[in-house]
Amino acid sequence: MNILIYGAGVLGSHLAHELVRGGNHVTMLARGQRLKELRSNGSVLRHYFQFRTTVDKVNVISELRPEDVYDLIFVVMKYPHFQAVLPALAANHSRHIVIVGNNASPHEMRDYLQANSPVQKKIAFAFIAGAGWKEKGRVVSIHGPKGQMTIGGLGEELDWRAVIDQAFNEVKFTLSYYSDMEEWLKSHFILILPLNSIAAVYDGDYRKAAKDRKLLNQVMDALDEGHQVLEKLGYTVTPEFQKDLPRRKRKLFYMGLKLMLTTSIGKNMLSDKAVSQDEMDALRLAFNELKIKAGIPTPNWDRVVSYSSVAN
């Protein structure tokens, strides 16, 4: 398949690598220094836990023109950056788009693309589990033995799922489909905001944080308050087991948090290698809007997420 990866950061580079190795013709859209690196050296990817480096030769472009038609476009970037690329995506004549990443406004994005496109667009939303960082000339990617992508529509089954499945037919990625990705995405950023605020409490010393029983209990209470906001607004916490963590499986969750804070993979997933500060700020503002609509107090949430904003 002819696929465009719009965004050449950590997750976009990992996705491009797997799609290339799966037999697809992959183009990456990049700008600035990253564009020069890709054109000069290809996509150099250091697989952190696999102790190996790969190099993939991909076609590289710096802009998406209306007439550049792809079978499938994956837009992979941080939530605050999506808005700037919507006009180019809308003007383009490709019909199948997957928007990948944390997202607090999927309905607005879908509606904009469909209302401003010259062709009928099919749009899905997705999230890739992973983290990493850019180094000079390469990307370091933190991922498991197989990639994991959660993907779906907004309250409906994807009638074009076969297009996505074809792209991943020979790819080392596990796809988990959900019919309502808005609920999944909202549940996800409500999970990560309290967790990713922990780093600021002890200036990045996760081992000290792991010993702070009061802090970890406050994080769990904050998460439960976030779930209550969603439920008050009529959303279903997705996946369902997530709401049980701070309510019915509190001891297990507590031990899991302590373990996460003392392992390298946990620290990477709770640092700006997974969620940048500007993305956290944007998601925090999105939650505040939800909280105002719900009209319920969230004292633990307010306290916990304030740690990262104070540190910033």
C-alpha atoms as a PDB file:
ATOM      1  CA  MET A   1       0.000   0.000   0.000  1.00  0.00           C
ATOM      2  CA  ASN A   2       1.021   3.609  -0.564  1.00  0.00           C
ATOM      3  CA  ILE A   3       1.122   5.164   2.918  1.00  0.00           C
ATOM      4  CA  LEU A   4       2.035   8.600   4.251  1.00  0.00           C
ATOM      5  CA  ILE A   5       3.281   9.132   7.791  1.00  0.00           C
ATOM      6  CA  TYR A   6       2.571  12.802   8.520  1.00  0.00           C
ATOM      7  CA  GLY A   7       5.020  13.489  11.336  1.00  0.00           C
ATOM      8  CA  ALA A   8       8.522  12.072  11.742  1.00  0.00           C
ATOM      9  CA  GLY A   9       8.900  12.051  15.513  1.00  0.00           C
ATOM     10  CA  VAL A  10       9.410   9.038  17.756  1.00  0.00           C
ATOM     11  CA  LEU A  11       6.094   7.261  17.208  1.00  0.00           C
ATOM     12  CA  GLY A  12       5.840   8.224  13.546  1.00  0.00           C
ATOM     13  CA  SER A  13       9.329   6.866  12.892  1.00  0.00           C
ATOM     14  CA  HIS A  14       8.572   3.597  14.675  1.00  0.00           C
ATOM     15  CA  LEU A  15       5.315   3.200  12.752  1.00  0.00           C
ATOM     16  CA  ALA A  16       7.083   3.948   9.460  1.00  0.00           C
ATOM     17  CA  HIS A  17       9.732   1.318  10.247  1.00  0.00           C
ATOM     18  CA  GLU A  18       7.167  -1.402  10.894  1.00  0.00           C
ATOM     19  CA  LEU A  19       5.054  -0.508   7.850  1.00  0.00           C
ATOM     20  CA  VAL A  20       8.126  -0.549   5.590  1.00  0.00           C
ATOM     21  CA  ARG A  21       9.192  -3.947   6.928  1.00  0.00           C
ATOM     22  CA  GLY A  22       5.611  -5.118   6.295  1.00  0.00           C
ATOM     23  CA  GLY A  23       5.970  -4.482   2.582  1.00  0.00           C
ATOM     24  CA  ASN A  24       4.271  -1.091   2.259  1.00  0.00           C
ATOM     25  CA  HIS A  25       5.560   1.869   0.253  1.00  0.00           C
ATOM     26  CA  VAL A  26       6.020   4.514   2.942  1.00  0.00           C
ATOM     27  CA  THR A  27       6.496   8.263   2.618  1.00  0.00           C
ATOM     28  CA  MET A  28       7.323  10.439   5.623  1.00  0.00           C
ATOM     29  CA  LEU A  29       6.522  14.138   5.936  1.00  0.00           C
ATOM     30  CA  ALA A  30       9.124  16.053   7.919  1.00  0.00           C
ATOM     31  CA  ARG A  31      10.574  19.533   8.193  1.00  0.00           C
ATOM     32  CA  GLY A  32      13.731  21.271   9.372  1.00  0.00           C
ATOM     33  CA  GLN A  33      16.644  19.206  10.622  1.00  0.00           C
ATOM     34  CA  ARG A  34      14.602  16.017  10.663  1.00  0.00           C
ATOM     35  CA  LEU A  35      13.890  16.423   6.945  1.00  0.00           C
ATOM     36  CA  LYS A  36      17.608  16.764   6.215  1.00  0.00           C
ATOM     37  CA  GLU A  37      18.425  13.690   8.314  1.00  0.00           C
ATOM     38  CA  LEU A  38      15.852  11.518   6.588  1.00  0.00           C
ATOM     39  CA  ARG A  39      16.978  12.583   3.126  1.00  0.00           C
ATOM     40  CA  SER A  40      20.663  12.085   3.921  1.00  0.00           C
ATOM     41  CA  ASN A  41      20.663   8.934   6.052  1.00  0.00           C
ATOM     42  CA  GLY A  42      17.186   7.396   5.887  1.00  0.00           C
ATOM     43  CA  SER A  43      15.157   6.734   9.016  1.00  0.00           C
ATOM     44  CA  VAL A  44      17.676   5.598  11.636  1.00  0.00           C
ATOM     45  CA  LEU A  45      15.914   3.995  14.582  1.00  0.00           C
ATOM     46  CA  ARG A  46      17.559   2.783  17.778  1.00  0.00           C
ATOM     47  CA  HIS A  47      15.310   0.137  19.378  1.00  0.00           C
ATOM     48  CA  TYR A  48      16.042   0.796  23.045  1.00  0.00           C
ATOM     49  CA  PHE A  49      15.067  -2.524  24.630  1.00  0.00           C
ATOM     50  CA  GLN A  50      15.942  -4.647  21.609  1.00  0.00           C
ATOM     51  CA  PHE A  51      19.560  -3.369  21.544  1.00  0.00           C
ATOM     52  CA  ARG A  52      19.583  -2.897  17.786  1.00  0.00           C
ATOM     53  CA  THR A  53      19.583  -0.120  15.223  1.00  0.00           C
ATOM     54  CA  THR A  54      17.731  -0.194  11.918  1.00  0.00           C
ATOM     55  CA  VAL A  55      17.893   2.032   8.872  1.00  0.00           C
ATOM     56  CA  ASP A  56      14.936   2.359   6.497  1.00  0.00           C
ATOM     57  CA  LYS A  57      15.030   4.154   3.182  1.00  0.00           C
ATOM     58  CA  VAL A  58      11.756   6.027   2.790  1.00  0.00           C
ATOM     59  CA  ASN A  59      10.447   8.647   0.440  1.00  0.00           C
ATOM     60  CA  VAL A  60      10.474  12.045   2.192  1.00  0.00           C
ATOM     61  CA  ILE A  61       8.395  15.170   1.532  1.00  0.00           C
ATOM     62  CA  SER A  62       8.173  18.545   3.261  1.00  0.00           C
ATOM     63  CA  GLU A  63       4.565  19.421   2.419  1.00  0.00           C
ATOM     64  CA  LEU A  64       1.331  17.677   1.526  1.00  0.00           C
ATOM     65  CA  ARG A  65      -0.139  18.928  -1.743  1.00  0.00           C
ATOM     66  CA  PRO A  66      -3.823  18.450  -2.610  1.00  0.00           C
ATOM     67  CA  GLU A  67      -3.011  16.179  -5.545  1.00  0.00           C
ATOM     68  CA  ASP A  68      -0.716  13.830  -3.565  1.00  0.00           C
ATOM     69  CA  VAL A  69      -3.028  10.862  -3.076  1.00  0.00           C
ATOM     70  CA  TYR A  70      -2.220   8.021  -0.661  1.00  0.00           C
ATOM     71  CA  ASP A  71      -4.111   4.853   0.180  1.00  0.00           C
ATOM     72  CA  LEU A  72      -3.774   5.712   3.853  1.00  0.00           C
ATOM     73  CA  ILE A  73      -2.455   8.671   5.840  1.00  0.00           C
ATOM     74  CA  PHE A  74      -1.333   8.375   9.465  1.00  0.00           C
ATOM     75  CA  VAL A  75      -1.042  11.744  11.221  1.00  0.00           C
ATOM     76  CA  VAL A  76       1.281  11.115  14.171  1.00  0.00           C
ATOM     77  CA  MET A  77       2.076  14.080  16.410  1.00  0.00           C
ATOM     78  CA  LYS A  78       1.502  15.767  19.742  1.00  0.00           C
ATOM     79  CA  TYR A  79      -2.020  16.963  20.492  1.00  0.00           C
ATOM     80  CA  PRO A  80      -1.215  20.723  20.427  1.00  0.00           C
ATOM     81  CA  HIS A  81       0.170  20.374  16.880  1.00  0.00           C
ATOM     82  CA  PHE A  82      -2.835  18.749  15.208  1.00  0.00           C
ATOM     83  CA  GLN A  83      -4.731  21.975  14.624  1.00  0.00           C
ATOM     84  CA  ALA A  84      -2.037  23.448  12.384  1.00  0.00           C
ATOM     85  CA  VAL A  85      -2.088  20.542   9.918  1.00  0.00           C
ATOM     86  CA  LEU A  86      -5.861  20.179   9.498  1.00  0.00           C
ATOM     87  CA  PRO A  87      -6.159  22.604   6.533  1.00  0.00           C
ATOM     88  CA  ALA A  88      -3.569  20.689   4.485  1.00  0.00           C
ATOM     89  CA  LEU A  89      -5.212  17.368   5.336  1.00  0.00           C
ATOM     90  CA  ALA A  90      -8.640  18.685   4.397  1.00  0.00           C
ATOM     91  CA  ALA A  91      -7.421  20.012   1.047  1.00  0.00           C
ATOM     92  CA  ASN A  92      -5.687  16.743   0.164  1.00  0.00           C
ATOM     93  CA  HIS A  93      -7.582  14.264  -2.022  1.00  0.00           C
ATOM     94  CA  SER A  94      -6.676  11.141  -0.014  1.00  0.00           C
ATOM     95  CA  ARG A  95      -9.754   9.481   1.474  1.00  0.00           C
ATOM     96  CA  HIS A  96      -8.491   7.465   4.461  1.00  0.00           C
ATOM     97  CA  ILE A  97      -6.913   9.219   7.456  1.00  0.00           C
ATOM     98  CA  VAL A  98      -5.903   7.927  10.888  1.00  0.00           C
ATOM     99  CA  ILE A  99      -5.120  10.598  13.497  1.00  0.00           C
ATOM    100  CA  VAL A 100      -2.714   9.107  16.047  1.00  0.00           C
ATOM    101  CA  GLY A 101      -1.947  10.434  19.513  1.00  0.00           C
ATOM    102  CA  ASN A 102      -3.455  11.926  22.631  1.00  0.00           C
ATOM    103  CA  ASN A 103      -6.541  13.853  21.611  1.00  0.00           C
ATOM    104  CA  ALA A 104      -9.117  15.867  23.537  1.00  0.00           C
ATOM    105  CA  SER A 105     -11.144  17.035  20.515  1.00  0.00           C
ATOM    106  CA  PRO A 106     -11.556  14.200  17.995  1.00  0.00           C
ATOM    107  CA  HIS A 107     -15.109  15.170  16.991  1.00  0.00           C
ATOM    108  CA  GLU A 108     -14.043  18.698  16.114  1.00  0.00           C
ATOM    109  CA  MET A 109     -11.149  17.397  14.011  1.00  0.00           C
ATOM    110  CA  ARG A 110     -13.302  14.878  12.170  1.00  0.00           C
ATOM    111  CA  ASP A 111     -16.025  17.441  11.486  1.00  0.00           C
ATOM    112  CA  TYR A 112     -13.524  19.992  10.168  1.00  0.00           C
ATOM    113  CA  LEU A 113     -11.890  17.508   7.808  1.00  0.00           C
ATOM    114  CA  GLN A 114     -15.180  16.226   6.446  1.00  0.00           C
ATOM    115  CA  ALA A 115     -16.686  19.697   6.030  1.00  0.00           C
ATOM    116  CA  ASN A 116     -13.672  21.188   4.237  1.00  0.00           C
ATOM    117  CA  SER A 117     -12.524  18.354   1.986  1.00  0.00           C
ATOM    118  CA  PRO A 118     -13.256  18.091  -1.742  1.00  0.00           C
ATOM    119  CA  VAL A 119     -13.603  14.294  -1.353  1.00  0.00           C
ATOM    120  CA  GLN A 120     -15.427  12.078   1.118  1.00  0.00           C
ATOM    121  CA  LYS A 121     -13.025  11.294   3.927  1.00  0.00           C
ATOM    122  CA  LYS A 122     -13.025   8.260   6.197  1.00  0.00           C
ATOM    123  CA  ILE A 123     -11.387   9.156   9.515  1.00  0.00           C
ATOM    124  CA  ALA A 124     -10.247   7.025  12.431  1.00  0.00           C
ATOM    125  CA  PHE A 125      -8.449   7.879  15.654  1.00  0.00           C
ATOM    126  CA  ALA A 126      -5.682   5.840  17.224  1.00  0.00           C
ATOM    127  CA  PHE A 127      -3.035   5.674  19.901  1.00  0.00           C
ATOM    128  CA  ILE A 128       0.338   3.926  19.785  1.00  0.00           C
ATOM    129  CA  ALA A 129       1.932   2.684  23.001  1.00  0.00           C
ATOM    130  CA  GLY A 130       5.530   3.848  23.184  1.00  0.00           C
ATOM    131  CA  ALA A 131       7.996   6.568  24.047  1.00  0.00           C
ATOM    132  CA  GLY A 132      11.452   7.773  23.116  1.00  0.00           C
ATOM    133  CA  TRP A 133      13.463  10.769  22.072  1.00  0.00           C
ATOM    134  CA  LYS A 134      15.385  12.271  19.188  1.00  0.00           C
ATOM    135  CA  GLU A 135      19.151  12.295  19.036  1.00  0.00           C
ATOM    136  CA  LYS A 136      21.375  13.770  16.368  1.00  0.00           C
ATOM    137  CA  GLY A 137      20.703  11.810  13.228  1.00  0.00           C
ATOM    138  CA  ARG A 138      18.435   9.182  14.770  1.00  0.00           C
ATOM    139  CA  VAL A 139      15.412   8.419  16.901  1.00  0.00           C
ATOM    140  CA  VAL A 140      15.522   6.259  20.038  1.00  0.00           C
ATOM    141  CA  SER A 141      12.307   4.250  20.321  1.00  0.00           C
ATOM    142  CA  ILE A 142      11.003   2.559  23.467  1.00  0.00           C
ATOM    143  CA  HIS A 143       8.552  -0.177  22.531  1.00  0.00           C
ATOM    144  CA  GLY A 144       7.750  -3.814  23.164  1.00  0.00           C
ATOM    145  CA  PRO A 145       8.511  -6.783  20.907  1.00  0.00           C
ATOM    146  CA  LYS A 146       5.358  -5.951  18.962  1.00  0.00           C
ATOM    147  CA  GLY A 147       3.858  -2.529  18.412  1.00  0.00           C
ATOM    148  CA  GLN A 148       0.445  -1.852  19.922  1.00  0.00           C
ATOM    149  CA  MET A 149      -2.146   0.411  18.371  1.00  0.00           C
ATOM    150  CA  THR A 150      -5.612   1.155  19.746  1.00  0.00           C
ATOM    151  CA  ILE A 151      -7.842   2.372  16.926  1.00  0.00           C
ATOM    152  CA  GLY A 152     -11.458   3.045  16.019  1.00  0.00           C
ATOM    153  CA  GLY A 153     -14.184   5.495  15.090  1.00  0.00           C
ATOM    154  CA  LEU A 154     -16.306   7.872  17.120  1.00  0.00           C
ATOM    155  CA  GLY A 155     -19.287   5.825  18.217  1.00  0.00           C
ATOM    156  CA  GLU A 156     -19.422   3.626  15.161  1.00  0.00           C
ATOM    157  CA  GLU A 157     -17.666   0.608  13.692  1.00  0.00           C
ATOM    158  CA  LEU A 158     -15.239   1.428  10.888  1.00  0.00           C
ATOM    159  CA  ASP A 159     -16.801   0.351   7.593  1.00  0.00           C
ATOM    160  CA  TRP A 160     -13.347   0.717   6.005  1.00  0.00           C
ATOM    161  CA  ARG A 161     -11.443  -1.374   8.522  1.00  0.00           C
ATOM    162  CA  ALA A 162     -10.259  -3.646   5.683  1.00  0.00           C
ATOM    163  CA  VAL A 163      -8.020  -0.817   4.424  1.00  0.00           C
ATOM    164  CA  ILE A 164      -6.246  -0.602   7.786  1.00  0.00           C
ATOM    165  CA  ASP A 165      -6.004  -4.367   8.155  1.00  0.00           C
ATOM    166  CA  GLN A 166      -4.424  -4.633   4.713  1.00  0.00           C
ATOM    167  CA  ALA A 167      -1.720  -2.124   5.660  1.00  0.00           C
ATOM    168  CA  PHE A 168      -0.873  -4.159   8.787  1.00  0.00           C
ATOM    169  CA  ASN A 169      -1.212  -7.591   7.221  1.00  0.00           C
ATOM    170  CA  GLU A 170       2.523  -8.367   7.490  1.00  0.00           C
ATOM    171  CA  VAL A 171       3.361  -5.824  10.195  1.00  0.00           C
ATOM    172  CA  LYS A 172       4.472  -6.566  13.754  1.00  0.00           C
ATOM    173  CA  PHE A 173       1.678  -4.546  15.322  1.00  0.00           C
ATOM    174  CA  THR A 174      -1.265  -5.660  17.434  1.00  0.00           C
ATOM    175  CA  LEU A 175      -4.391  -3.670  16.559  1.00  0.00           C
ATOM    176  CA  SER A 176      -7.144  -3.290  19.172  1.00  0.00           C
ATOM    177  CA  TYR A 177     -10.347  -1.855  17.730  1.00  0.00           C
ATOM    178  CA  TYR A 178     -12.837   0.203  19.750  1.00  0.00           C
ATOM    179  CA  SER A 179     -16.112   1.551  18.424  1.00  0.00           C
ATOM    180  CA  ASP A 180     -15.841   4.795  20.428  1.00  0.00           C
ATOM    181  CA  MET A 181     -12.314   6.174  20.537  1.00  0.00           C
ATOM    182  CA  GLU A 182     -13.484   9.439  22.087  1.00  0.00           C
ATOM    183  CA  GLU A 183     -14.229   7.569  25.322  1.00  0.00           C
ATOM    184  CA  TRP A 184     -10.908   5.714  25.093  1.00  0.00           C
ATOM    185  CA  LEU A 185      -8.917   8.886  24.427  1.00  0.00           C
ATOM    186  CA  LYS A 186     -10.577  10.852  27.231  1.00  0.00           C
ATOM    187  CA  SER A 187     -10.061   7.954  29.630  1.00  0.00           C
ATOM    188  CA  HIS A 188      -6.432   7.757  28.580  1.00  0.00           C
ATOM    189  CA  PHE A 189      -5.487  11.379  29.164  1.00  0.00           C
ATOM    190  CA  ILE A 190      -7.288  11.284  32.505  1.00  0.00           C
ATOM    191  CA  LEU A 191      -5.039   8.332  33.373  1.00  0.00           C
ATOM    192  CA  ILE A 192      -1.766   9.882  32.264  1.00  0.00           C
ATOM    193  CA  LEU A 193      -2.145  13.417  33.638  1.00  0.00           C
ATOM    194  CA  PRO A 194      -1.925  12.471  37.345  1.00  0.00           C
ATOM    195  CA  LEU A 195       0.744   9.834  36.658  1.00  0.00           C
ATOM    196  CA  ASN A 196       2.926  12.149  34.609  1.00  0.00           C
ATOM    197  CA  SER A 197       2.693  14.844  37.283  1.00  0.00           C
ATOM    198  CA  ILE A 198       4.597  12.655  39.763  1.00  0.00           C
ATOM    199  CA  ALA A 199       7.994  13.514  38.275  1.00  0.00           C
ATOM    200  CA  ALA A 200       7.709  17.164  39.321  1.00  0.00           C
ATOM    201  CA  VAL A 201       7.169  16.458  43.019  1.00  0.00           C
ATOM    202  CA  TYR A 202      10.748  15.339  43.704  1.00  0.00           C
ATOM    203  CA  ASP A 203      12.373  17.030  40.719  1.00  0.00           C
ATOM    204  CA  GLY A 204      12.477  13.813  38.734  1.00  0.00           C
ATOM    205  CA  ASP A 205      13.637  11.555  41.570  1.00  0.00           C
ATOM    206  CA  TYR A 206      11.188   8.700  41.050  1.00  0.00           C
ATOM    207  CA  ARG A 207      12.654   6.563  43.825  1.00  0.00           C
ATOM    208  CA  LYS A 208      11.800   9.219  46.382  1.00  0.00           C
ATOM    209  CA  ALA A 209       8.328   9.495  44.895  1.00  0.00           C
ATOM    210  CA  ALA A 210       7.887   5.718  45.194  1.00  0.00           C
ATOM    211  CA  LYS A 211       8.402   5.990  48.958  1.00  0.00           C
ATOM    212  CA  ASP A 212       5.829   8.755  49.407  1.00  0.00           C
ATOM    213  CA  ARG A 213       2.685   6.870  50.425  1.00  0.00           C
ATOM    214  CA  LYS A 214       0.650  10.058  50.765  1.00  0.00           C
ATOM    215  CA  LEU A 215       1.552  11.147  47.224  1.00  0.00           C
ATOM    216  CA  LEU A 216       0.684   7.801  45.633  1.00  0.00           C
ATOM    217  CA  ASN A 217      -2.653   7.673  47.429  1.00  0.00           C
ATOM    218  CA  GLN A 218      -3.366  11.213  46.315  1.00  0.00           C
ATOM    219  CA  VAL A 219      -2.570  10.227  42.706  1.00  0.00           C
ATOM    220  CA  MET A 220      -5.023   7.334  42.941  1.00  0.00           C
ATOM    221  CA  ASP A 221      -7.708   9.602  44.432  1.00  0.00           C
ATOM    222  CA  ALA A 222      -7.082  12.119  41.624  1.00  0.00           C
ATOM    223  CA  LEU A 223      -7.562   9.433  39.008  1.00  0.00           C
ATOM    224  CA  ASP A 224     -10.821   8.346  40.621  1.00  0.00           C
ATOM    225  CA  GLU A 225     -12.044  11.956  40.583  1.00  0.00           C
ATOM    226  CA  GLY A 226     -11.197  12.181  36.901  1.00  0.00           C
ATOM    227  CA  HIS A 227     -13.249   9.058  36.232  1.00  0.00           C
ATOM    228  CA  GLN A 228     -16.157  10.553  38.196  1.00  0.00           C
ATOM    229  CA  VAL A 229     -16.089  13.608  35.914  1.00  0.00           C
ATOM    230  CA  LEU A 230     -16.318  11.380  32.846  1.00  0.00           C
ATOM    231  CA  GLU A 231     -19.151   9.337  34.325  1.00  0.00           C
ATOM    232  CA  LYS A 232     -21.077  12.462  35.337  1.00  0.00           C
ATOM    233  CA  LEU A 233     -20.910  13.602  31.698  1.00  0.00           C
ATOM    234  CA  GLY A 234     -22.194  10.269  30.429  1.00  0.00           C
ATOM    235  CA  TYR A 235     -18.907   8.794  29.182  1.00  0.00           C
ATOM    236  CA  THR A 236     -17.933   5.202  29.822  1.00  0.00           C
ATOM    237  CA  VAL A 237     -14.421   4.798  31.219  1.00  0.00           C
ATOM    238  CA  THR A 238     -12.616   2.744  28.576  1.00  0.00           C
ATOM    239  CA  PRO A 239     -11.172   0.186  28.982  1.00  0.00           C
ATOM    240  CA  GLU A 240     -13.546  -0.608  31.822  1.00  0.00           C
ATOM    241  CA  PHE A 241     -10.909  -2.072  34.145  1.00  0.00           C
ATOM    242  CA  GLN A 242      -9.232   1.353  34.368  1.00  0.00           C
ATOM    243  CA  LYS A 243     -11.858   2.727  36.753  1.00  0.00           C
ATOM    244  CA  ASP A 244     -11.445  -0.294  39.021  1.00  0.00           C
ATOM    245  CA  LEU A 245      -7.771   0.461  39.651  1.00  0.00           C
ATOM    246  CA  PRO A 246      -8.247   3.252  42.237  1.00  0.00           C
ATOM    247  CA  ARG A 247     -11.596   1.918  43.520  1.00  0.00           C
ATOM    248  CA  ARG A 248     -11.640  -1.857  43.831  1.00  0.00           C
ATOM    249  CA  LYS A 249      -8.023  -2.821  43.156  1.00  0.00           C
ATOM    250  CA  ARG A 250      -6.349  -0.095  45.131  1.00  0.00           C
ATOM    251  CA  LYS A 251      -3.655  -2.216  46.809  1.00  0.00           C
ATOM    252  CA  LEU A 252      -2.670  -3.798  43.512  1.00  0.00           C
ATOM    253  CA  PHE A 253      -2.596  -0.400  41.808  1.00  0.00           C
ATOM    254  CA  TYR A 254      -0.507   1.027  44.642  1.00  0.00           C
ATOM    255  CA  MET A 255       2.101  -1.727  44.272  1.00  0.00           C
ATOM    256  CA  GLY A 256       2.082  -1.275  40.508  1.00  0.00           C
ATOM    257  CA  LEU A 257       2.784   2.430  40.877  1.00  0.00           C
ATOM    258  CA  LYS A 258       5.711   1.778  43.222  1.00  0.00           C
ATOM    259  CA  LEU A 259       7.148  -0.770  40.794  1.00  0.00           C
ATOM    260  CA  MET A 260       6.687   1.563  37.830  1.00  0.00           C
ATOM    261  CA  LEU A 261       8.528   4.366  39.601  1.00  0.00           C
ATOM    262  CA  THR A 262      11.578   2.188  40.259  1.00  0.00           C
ATOM    263  CA  THR A 263      12.053   0.647  36.806  1.00  0.00           C
ATOM    264  CA  SER A 264      13.543   2.232  33.711  1.00  0.00           C
ATOM    265  CA  ILE A 265      10.542   1.490  31.509  1.00  0.00           C
ATOM    266  CA  GLY A 266       8.188   3.031  34.065  1.00  0.00           C
ATOM    267  CA  LYS A 267      10.292   6.152  34.434  1.00  0.00           C
ATOM    268  CA  ASN A 268      10.482   6.583  30.671  1.00  0.00           C
ATOM    269  CA  MET A 269       6.731   6.189  30.288  1.00  0.00           C
ATOM    270  CA  LEU A 270       6.105   8.775  33.023  1.00  0.00           C
ATOM    271  CA  SER A 271       8.570  11.348  31.718  1.00  0.00           C
ATOM    272  CA  ASP A 272       8.516  13.890  28.908  1.00  0.00           C
ATOM    273  CA  LYS A 273       9.843  11.092  26.691  1.00  0.00           C
ATOM    274  CA  ALA A 274       6.210   9.966  26.510  1.00  0.00           C
ATOM    275  CA  VAL A 275       4.187  13.146  27.110  1.00  0.00           C
ATOM    276  CA  SER A 276       5.709  16.577  26.593  1.00  0.00           C
ATOM    277  CA  GLN A 277       4.957  19.519  28.862  1.00  0.00           C
ATOM    278  CA  ASP A 278       3.057  21.439  26.191  1.00  0.00           C
ATOM    279  CA  GLU A 279       0.888  18.393  25.578  1.00  0.00           C
ATOM    280  CA  MET A 280       0.213  17.988  29.293  1.00  0.00           C
ATOM    281  CA  ASP A 281      -0.769  21.657  29.515  1.00  0.00           C
ATOM    282  CA  ALA A 282      -3.210  21.319  26.609  1.00  0.00           C
ATOM    283  CA  LEU A 283      -4.767  18.142  28.020  1.00  0.00           C
ATOM    284  CA  ARG A 284      -5.038  19.734  31.467  1.00  0.00           C
ATOM    285  CA  LEU A 285      -7.000  22.620  29.962  1.00  0.00           C
ATOM    286  CA  ALA A 286      -9.268  20.121  28.208  1.00  0.00           C
ATOM    287  CA  PHE A 287      -9.964  18.375  31.512  1.00  0.00           C
ATOM    288  CA  ASN A 288     -10.755  21.685  33.195  1.00  0.00           C
ATOM    289  CA  GLU A 289     -13.473  22.247  30.602  1.00  0.00           C
ATOM    290  CA  LEU A 290     -14.901  18.798  31.328  1.00  0.00           C
ATOM    291  CA  LYS A 291     -14.801  19.477  35.076  1.00  0.00           C
ATOM    292  CA  ILE A 292     -16.695  22.747  34.681  1.00  0.00           C
ATOM    293  CA  LYS A 293     -19.376  20.972  32.647  1.00  0.00           C
ATOM    294  CA  ALA A 294     -19.636  18.186  35.222  1.00  0.00           C
ATOM    295  CA  GLY A 295     -19.859  20.642  38.125  1.00  0.00           C
ATOM    296  CA  ILE A 296     -18.217  18.395  40.688  1.00  0.00           C
ATOM    297  CA  PRO A 297     -15.212  19.154  42.937  1.00  0.00           C
ATOM    298  CA  THR A 298     -11.868  17.458  42.238  1.00  0.00           C
ATOM    299  CA  PRO A 299      -9.565  18.554  45.075  1.00  0.00           C
ATOM    300  CA  ASN A 300      -7.044  15.724  44.729  1.00  0.00           C
ATOM    301  CA  TRP A 301      -6.888  16.121  40.952  1.00  0.00           C
ATOM    302  CA  ASP A 302      -6.343  19.870  41.269  1.00  0.00           C
ATOM    303  CA  ARG A 303      -3.510  19.351  43.715  1.00  0.00           C
ATOM    304  CA  VAL A 304      -1.742  16.565  41.817  1.00  0.00           C
ATOM    305  CA  VAL A 305      -1.785  18.118  38.350  1.00  0.00           C
ATOM    306  CA  SER A 306      -0.674  21.453  39.803  1.00  0.00           C
ATOM    307  CA  TYR A 307       2.722  19.894  40.618  1.00  0.00           C
ATOM    308  CA  SER A 308       3.786  19.793  36.968  1.00  0.00           C
ATOM    309  CA  SER A 309       2.437  23.259  36.173  1.00  0.00           C
ATOM    310  CA  VAL A 310       4.268  24.764  39.170  1.00  0.00           C
ATOM    311  CA  ALA A 311       7.502  23.048  38.110  1.00  0.00           C
ATOM    312  CA  ASN A 312       7.091  24.394  34.582  1.00  0.00           C
END
